Amino acid sequence: MSTRAEDRSRPRVSAVILAHNRRDAVGVVLDRLAELPLDEILVVDSGSTDGTGDAVRARGGKVRLVDPGRNVAIAGRNLGAQAATGDYLLMLDDDSYPLPGAIETLVEMFERTPRLGVVGGLIRDVDPHGAVVKVDEPGTFDWWLRGGRPPGPAPADGWPTFFFPEGGCVARRSAYLEVGGFFEPYFFGTSEVDLATRLLAAGWDVRYQPAAVFDHMKVITGRTGGGLMRRMRVRNQIWYFALRFPTSLAVRRIPAYLLFDFVECAWHGVLRDWLAGIREAWTKRGEIRGMRAPLPRDVLRRAELNRGRLHLRLLVLQLGLKLRRSR
C-alpha cells in the first residue's frame, strides 16, 4: 500500500522527442531511455520518410508515437507537450539523451523551486564510440549557458540563463503550456531564447545546471541544416526583437545582432544566407502580424543578461583563433 501511495505522489516525467528522418538515431535514444525514470516517451515524427514512425510504433510499451503527418518543426514540441501526462517534460532531439542521474537532478531542482519553469543541462557532443569530442569550447551550449563563467560545478540551483538547449532540458509542463510553448512561426532557431523570455515575463525562472549531463550524437548523425538554419536564425532574431522589445530598444538591438550575423556569415562565406534572412523577415512578416507584445524593460534586462557581450566576445575569440592558425 505504501509503495502505491509513493508512486502516486512521485512527480511524473514525460519525454518528448522531436524526430525527423533519424530512424537509427531514434532507436539508440529509445534504448538509452529504457532504463531511466520516465513514465512515458512521446516521439513526434515530424514528416519522416525513412520509416522512423513505423519503428517507433513497433516499440509499444511506454513509447507512444505522435504523428502530425508532415514536418511541423518546432510545433512538434507543442504537440508532444499537449499529449503528455507528466508534471515535467524531458525535451530531447532525435539524437540526444540524458545520462543516468540527469533526470533526477533536474526534477529535484523543480521540486525545491515552485517557480522554476525550465532547466537546461550540459550538452556533450560524442563520437560513434561515445567519446566526448566537444563540450565547453567557445560557441558550445556550455559556453553560452555559463555566461562567461569558467568551467566547473554550478550551485545546487544552477545559474540563471537567457536560453536553454532545446534538445537537452526539462520543463515544468504547466508553465510551458501557460505561456503557449514554443513560438511556432519561428519554425526553428531563436525559439529557446523567445520561450525563455516569455517564461520570465510570466514569473517563471530559467536556469542552467551542468551537473545534469546529456550526450548529443551530432558528430554521428551529421545534420546541420546548412543555409536554411542560418537564414531562419537571422530572420527570427529580427522577429524576436520586433515582437518582444519596445520600439526604442528594438531599433538598436536589431542592427547590432545583424552585425554579428554578418560577420559570422562572412566568416563562413555565406553572406547570401544573411541577406536571405533579412529578406524573409520582411517578406514573411505576415506570419507574425498582430502578434507583437512588447515586454517590460526589467523583464528584458533579466532575459538578455550578458547575451550581447557574449556575442562580441565570441567574435574576438574566433578572430584570435583564426590569426593563430594562419601563422
Foldseek 3Di string as FASTA:
>chain_A
DVVVVVVVVDFAEEEEEEDAQPQPLLVVQCVQCPPARHQAYEYEYAAHDNCNQVSQVVVDDRGYYHYPPHHQAQVSVVVVLVPDDTQKYFFAYSFKHWDPPLVVLQVVLCVVPVQAFKEAEFEFEAEPVRHGDDTAPQPDQNVQQVPPDDDDFAPSNAAFHQFHPRRGMMGRSVLCVVLPHFDRVLSDACRRNLSQLSSVLVVHTYHYGHVTYMYGHCVPVVDDCPLNRLLSHLLVVLVSLQQAADPVVSVVVNVLVLVLSCVVCVVVVNNVSSVNSVVCNPVVVVVCPPRRDYGDPVSVCSNCPCVSVSSVVSVVVVVVVVVVVVD
